[in-house]
Amino acid sequence: MLTIALLLLAGFIVGVALTAMFALLYIGVIHAEAVRIVDTHLAGIAMPTAGPVMTMRQMV
């Protein structure tokens, strides 16, 4: 009985780990494609310059 419970728990953990790995891989592929699209779309457009960055240390 204990062996069956441990095998079920191990199978659940392995299943969750594999699902998470595939999900992160899929999200990474989508993100890389989105970055490529944005980079090629903005290739000829200059990005606006940002003003000075204020940090909490500078504000005090």
Protein backbone atom coordinates (compact mmCIF):
# COMPACT_ATOMS: atom_id res chain seq x y z
CA MET A 1 0.00 0.00 0.00
CA LEU A 2 2.78 2.40 0.92
CA THR A 3 4.68 1.49 -2.26
CA ILE A 4 1.62 2.27 -4.41
CA ALA A 5 1.18 5.64 -2.69
CA LEU A 6 4.86 6.50 -3.18
CA LEU A 7 4.74 5.49 -6.85
CA LEU A 8 1.65 7.63 -7.39
CA LEU A 9 3.35 10.57 -5.69
CA ALA A 10 6.52 10.10 -7.75
CA GLY A 11 4.48 9.87 -10.96
CA PHE A 12 2.60 13.05 -10.05
CA ILE A 13 5.81 14.94 -9.32
CA VAL A 14 7.43 13.77 -12.57
CA GLY A 15 4.29 14.70 -14.51
CA VAL A 16 4.17 18.18 -13.00
CA ALA A 17 7.89 18.71 -13.69
CA LEU A 18 7.60 17.60 -17.33
CA THR A 19 4.51 19.75 -17.90
CA ALA A 20 6.27 22.77 -16.40
CA MET A 21 9.36 22.20 -18.56
CA PHE A 22 7.30 21.98 -21.76
CA ALA A 23 5.24 25.04 -20.78
CA LEU A 24 8.37 27.11 -20.11
CA LEU A 25 9.91 25.94 -23.38
CA TYR A 26 6.73 26.89 -25.28
CA ILE A 27 6.56 30.32 -23.59
CA GLY A 28 10.26 30.84 -24.39
CA VAL A 29 9.66 30.06 -28.07
CA ILE A 30 6.71 32.46 -28.21
CA HIS A 31 8.74 35.17 -26.43
CA ALA A 32 11.71 34.75 -28.78
CA GLU A 33 9.41 35.05 -31.80
CA ALA A 34 7.76 38.16 -30.35
CA VAL A 35 11.16 39.75 -29.74
CA ARG A 36 12.22 38.97 -33.30
CA ILE A 37 9.03 40.54 -34.68
CA VAL A 38 9.42 43.69 -32.60
CA ASP A 39 13.12 44.00 -33.43
CA THR A 40 12.52 43.71 -37.17
CA HIS A 41 9.53 46.05 -37.02
CA LEU A 42 11.47 48.74 -35.18
CA ALA A 43 14.65 48.31 -37.23
CA GLY A 44 14.36 51.72 -38.90
CA ILE A 45 12.71 53.60 -36.02
CA ALA A 46 14.85 55.34 -33.43
CA MET A 47 13.72 54.67 -29.90
CA PRO A 48 12.92 57.82 -27.91
CA THR A 49 15.47 58.89 -25.35
CA ALA A 50 14.36 58.57 -21.78
CA GLY A 51 14.82 61.26 -19.18
CA PRO A 52 17.06 60.83 -16.15
CA VAL A 53 16.19 57.88 -13.96
CA MET A 54 15.40 58.92 -10.42
CA THR A 55 16.17 56.42 -7.70
CA MET A 56 14.99 56.50 -4.11
CA ARG A 57 18.50 57.31 -2.93
CA GLN A 58 18.66 60.42 -5.15
CA MET A 59 15.24 61.64 -4.02
CA VAL A 60 16.10 61.67 -0.31
